[in-house]
Amino acid sequence: MADQYDIIVIGAGPGGYVAAIRASQLGLKAAIVEREHMAGICSNWGCIPTKALLRSAEIYGHMDHAKDYGLTADKFGFDIEAIVKRSRGIAGRMNDGVQFLMKKNKVDIIWGEATIAKPGEIKVEATKKKAVEPQHPKPKTTLGEGTYKARNIIVATGARPRVLPGIEPDGEKIWTYFEALKPAKMPKSVAVMGSGAIGIEFASFYRSLGAEVTVIELLPQIMPVEDAEIAGLARKRFEKRGISILTDAKVSKVDKTKDGVTAHVELKNGDNKEVKAEVLISAVGVQANSENLGLEKAGVKIDRGVIVVDGHGRTNVEGIWAIGDVAGPPMLAHKAEHEAVLAVETIAGKKVHGLDKSKIPGCTYCEPQVASVGMTEAKAREAGRDIRVGRFPFVGNGKAIALGEPDGLVKTIFDKKTGELLGAHMVGAEVTELIQGFVVAMNLETTEEDLMHTIFPHPTLSETMKESVLDAYGQALNI
């Protein structure tokens, strides 16, 4: 059987399902192929369920400090099984929601594993990949195995945890984020290998619930993509919370023991250290799912595992497009969603600006939260920019003090000559909700003068943003 579509999307994650919806909105006939879970890793095993876990940990932390707010909370505790159950339930709702959106937008769901037979044609076979459990029920109404034709094929197959040789996850003592999201019991101690967003979020979660946590980072700085000053402040807060952190540290091997694991760590100064824990979470990044799709046979260019695309998602082969993690870093759901819209609108003949990676925000939902967009101070200086840097601490903000969250900092970086906002970096309570203000400002090419003359509501945490801008020009009012 051969069905003709304008667009077939391979992968129903954030990029894939958004592409299918936008295609339908533009009057294009669309189908989406999925082999495991509607809504992808983000909603099922990533962004959303981790936030559910972290919210439970946050509430537990507030209860532990109830007396600081004039409250009494006696005999409180947590049930890890119930915490996980809530998280999985939320993931299920997201899955169901995407199924509903496909039906609402008249997008056909094809269930199985797709390969590109040739440009304009895919072959779908029964799913061979073992599903991650618990597996949410697949959609009730789907198309199945067969050959399907489309004028355009969008590859949106996402990524999976990167595995280091000799430190392969076993699901019991060495975990990836899959196992870390659904612990059968609360571990007393956790070693985390890698301090990017995934590693730090799990370190924060397990520490909040009382586990002894050690983070091991190969590079000199935790959260390596962040501004060094912000990462340094975050590290101090993590260590104050009792998280042990090793930087310039390489895990050379991991021994499994009766009680857990022993990570053998080589330090930069030549010393060796053993880190013992019940479990080790491997959080050393992700790698694109670009294999077994027929890309090489179709002539699609792949570089270091990711599909090479232009700013609109085009590959080097006409009619084949790629978006999201499989198309390279930054591997973020919101980047995938934006790429989806750009690709589909380009297919539909609209004139749209290509992806500008310099304006993609990054957020880490640990305690304290970290968020950023644009150039770090170091990158701006390396680029030869003459800059002004503004800083404003949360301790100078009334709302932060009222919330009991006085530890934080907003940092802004401007071009001294033009007033262009080059970057913004934050650490503290709810900064993941604040950063979008600076993202909008950068996209609108807002200058320091525009921001200075913008009225920010009082009392809000957002006032720290304006004060940071003012500080860059020696005009801060509340510090």
Foldseek 3Di string as FASTA:
>chain_A
DEAEWAEEEEDQALLRLLLQLLCLVLVTAYAYEDAAFHRPCCLQQHVQLLVLLVVVLVVLLCQVVVVVVVDHDPPDADDLQVSLVVSNVRSLVSRVVSVVSCVVSVYAYEYAHWAAPAQFKIFGDHHPDDYQPPGHDDDPDHHYTDMYGHLFYEYEHAWFADDDPQQGDPLFQEAESSSLSRPPDQWQEEEEEAQAQSRQSSQQSSLSNHHQYEYEELAQFHNVVAFRVQSVLVVVVSVVSRYHYHYNKDFPHWDADPQHIWTWIAHPVGDIDIDDTNHYYYHPDIAAPPPPRNCVVNPFDDDPQAGDDPLQQDTPHRRYGYFAPSNHPPRDSVRSSVSSNSNSCVSSVDDDDGDDQQLDKDWRVGVFIKIKGADHPVRCVVVVADKFKFKDFQLLAPVCVVVVKRGKMKMWIARPPPQFTGMIIMTTHPVVVQCVVVSVCNVVRHGLVNLLPDDDDPRDPNVRVNLRSCRSVPRRDRD
